[in-house]
């Protein structure tokens, strides 16, 4: 699923900045899926439904994203998702 829908069409992870791209290389495919769904503004329950997992599993993936990306808060995770969205435009 390593692509997102934007106003200008589909965007792959390769379309975003190198710095973020390097960090994303540390992530599992499922963690990338969660991050990309965050960029679409989805909350845990909606992400869980799309990925056929529980909301608790989504929370775990978010915690793993924070650790792997050196992020301390969920706010920073959402800010990163926003940055990805902006770079993709």
C-alpha atoms as a PDB file:
ATOM      1  CA  UNK A   1       0.000   0.000   0.000  1.00  0.00           C
ATOM      2  CA  UNK A   2       2.947   2.368  -0.199  1.00  0.00           C
ATOM      3  CA  UNK A   3       0.991   5.124  -1.887  1.00  0.00           C
ATOM      4  CA  UNK A   4      -1.525   7.762  -0.882  1.00  0.00           C
ATOM      5  CA  UNK A   5      -4.220   9.601  -2.733  1.00  0.00           C
ATOM      6  CA  UNK A   6      -3.724  13.346  -2.969  1.00  0.00           C
ATOM      7  CA  UNK A   7      -5.389  16.144  -4.860  1.00  0.00           C
ATOM      8  CA  UNK A   8      -2.904  15.598  -7.686  1.00  0.00           C
ATOM      9  CA  UNK A   9      -3.272  11.801  -7.816  1.00  0.00           C
ATOM     10  CA  UNK A  10      -1.439   8.850  -6.278  1.00  0.00           C
ATOM     11  CA  UNK A  11       1.799   9.537  -4.419  1.00  0.00           C
ATOM     12  CA  UNK A  12       4.358   6.909  -3.515  1.00  0.00           C
ATOM     13  CA  UNK A  13       6.811   7.054  -0.656  1.00  0.00           C
ATOM     14  CA  UNK A  14       9.491   7.723  -3.258  1.00  0.00           C
ATOM     15  CA  UNK A  15       7.822  11.058  -4.012  1.00  0.00           C
ATOM     16  CA  UNK A  16       8.576  12.560  -0.599  1.00  0.00           C
ATOM     17  CA  UNK A  17      11.721  14.275   0.684  1.00  0.00           C
ATOM     18  CA  UNK A  18      14.967  12.317   1.111  1.00  0.00           C
ATOM     19  CA  UNK A  19      15.256  12.960   4.843  1.00  0.00           C
ATOM     20  CA  UNK A  20      11.824  11.578   5.553  1.00  0.00           C
ATOM     21  CA  UNK A  21      12.330   8.835   2.997  1.00  0.00           C
ATOM     22  CA  UNK A  22      15.446   7.597   4.820  1.00  0.00           C
ATOM     23  CA  UNK A  23      13.548   7.475   8.106  1.00  0.00           C
ATOM     24  CA  UNK A  24      10.671   5.621   6.477  1.00  0.00           C
ATOM     25  CA  UNK A  25      13.098   2.947   5.323  1.00  0.00           C
ATOM     26  CA  UNK A  26      13.245   1.781   8.951  1.00  0.00           C
ATOM     27  CA  UNK A  27       9.549   0.992   9.016  1.00  0.00           C
ATOM     28  CA  UNK A  28       7.745  -2.261   8.369  1.00  0.00           C
ATOM     29  CA  UNK A  29       5.236  -2.312   5.532  1.00  0.00           C
ATOM     30  CA  UNK A  30       2.358  -2.269   8.027  1.00  0.00           C
ATOM     31  CA  UNK A  31       3.823   0.727   9.859  1.00  0.00           C
ATOM     32  CA  UNK A  32       4.074   2.524   6.512  1.00  0.00           C
ATOM     33  CA  UNK A  33       0.436   1.653   5.842  1.00  0.00           C
ATOM     34  CA  UNK A  34      -0.587   3.162   9.184  1.00  0.00           C
ATOM     35  CA  UNK A  35       1.474   6.293   8.605  1.00  0.00           C
ATOM     36  CA  UNK A  36       0.017   6.791   5.143  1.00  0.00           C
ATOM     37  CA  UNK A  37      -3.509   6.415   6.494  1.00  0.00           C
ATOM     38  CA  UNK A  38      -2.693   8.986   9.174  1.00  0.00           C
ATOM     39  CA  UNK A  39      -1.757  11.381   6.352  1.00  0.00           C
ATOM     40  CA  UNK A  40      -5.310  10.935   5.077  1.00  0.00           C
ATOM     41  CA  UNK A  41      -6.621  12.143   8.434  1.00  0.00           C
ATOM     42  CA  UNK A  42      -7.987   8.795   9.556  1.00  0.00           C
ATOM     43  CA  UNK A  43      -8.343   7.948  13.228  1.00  0.00           C
ATOM     44  CA  UNK A  44      -7.504   4.616  14.868  1.00  0.00           C
ATOM     45  CA  UNK A  45     -10.876   2.937  14.320  1.00  0.00           C
ATOM     46  CA  UNK A  46     -11.006   3.920  10.645  1.00  0.00           C
ATOM     47  CA  UNK A  47      -7.403   2.799  10.101  1.00  0.00           C
ATOM     48  CA  UNK A  48      -8.207  -0.484  11.839  1.00  0.00           C
ATOM     49  CA  UNK A  49     -11.192  -1.090   9.568  1.00  0.00           C
ATOM     50  CA  UNK A  50      -9.147  -0.406   6.422  1.00  0.00           C
ATOM     51  CA  UNK A  51      -6.327  -2.719   7.541  1.00  0.00           C
ATOM     52  CA  UNK A  52      -8.577  -5.411   9.058  1.00  0.00           C
ATOM     53  CA  UNK A  53      -6.931  -5.155  12.481  1.00  0.00           C
ATOM     54  CA  UNK A  54      -8.037  -3.910  15.898  1.00  0.00           C
ATOM     55  CA  UNK A  55      -7.766  -0.300  17.022  1.00  0.00           C
ATOM     56  CA  UNK A  56      -5.343  -1.537  19.703  1.00  0.00           C
ATOM     57  CA  UNK A  57      -3.080  -2.932  16.974  1.00  0.00           C
ATOM     58  CA  UNK A  58      -3.135   0.473  15.263  1.00  0.00           C
ATOM     59  CA  UNK A  59      -2.127   2.088  18.576  1.00  0.00           C
ATOM     60  CA  UNK A  60       0.775  -0.369  18.833  1.00  0.00           C
ATOM     61  CA  UNK A  61       1.906   0.475  15.291  1.00  0.00           C
ATOM     62  CA  UNK A  62       1.770   4.177  16.165  1.00  0.00           C
ATOM     63  CA  UNK A  63       3.936   3.583  19.230  1.00  0.00           C
ATOM     64  CA  UNK A  64       6.410   1.634  17.087  1.00  0.00           C
ATOM     65  CA  UNK A  65       6.446   4.503  14.574  1.00  0.00           C
ATOM     66  CA  UNK A  66       7.326   6.931  17.343  1.00  0.00           C
ATOM     67  CA  UNK A  67      10.214   4.773  18.549  1.00  0.00           C
ATOM     68  CA  UNK A  68      11.658   4.078  15.101  1.00  0.00           C
ATOM     69  CA  UNK A  69      11.362   7.693  13.975  1.00  0.00           C
ATOM     70  CA  UNK A  70      12.652   9.164  17.234  1.00  0.00           C
ATOM     71  CA  UNK A  71       9.380  10.940  17.884  1.00  0.00           C
ATOM     72  CA  UNK A  72       8.294  11.646  21.452  1.00  0.00           C
ATOM     73  CA  UNK A  73       4.615  12.450  21.091  1.00  0.00           C
ATOM     74  CA  UNK A  74       1.611  11.648  18.958  1.00  0.00           C
ATOM     75  CA  UNK A  75       1.488  15.344  18.052  1.00  0.00           C
ATOM     76  CA  UNK A  76       4.925  14.994  16.442  1.00  0.00           C
ATOM     77  CA  UNK A  77       3.716  11.913  14.572  1.00  0.00           C
ATOM     78  CA  UNK A  78       0.738  13.845  13.198  1.00  0.00           C
ATOM     79  CA  UNK A  79       3.056  16.760  12.325  1.00  0.00           C
ATOM     80  CA  UNK A  80       5.254  14.338  10.361  1.00  0.00           C
ATOM     81  CA  UNK A  81       2.188  13.001   8.565  1.00  0.00           C
ATOM     82  CA  UNK A  82       1.249  16.594   7.714  1.00  0.00           C
ATOM     83  CA  UNK A  83       4.765  17.248   6.388  1.00  0.00           C
ATOM     84  CA  UNK A  84       4.567  14.148   4.190  1.00  0.00           C
ATOM     85  CA  UNK A  85       1.254  15.363   2.821  1.00  0.00           C
ATOM     86  CA  UNK A  86       2.676  18.810   2.074  1.00  0.00           C
ATOM     87  CA  UNK A  87       5.773  17.386   0.371  1.00  0.00           C
ATOM     88  CA  UNK A  88       3.596  15.149  -1.741  1.00  0.00           C
ATOM     89  CA  UNK A  89       1.647  18.061  -3.251  1.00  0.00           C
END
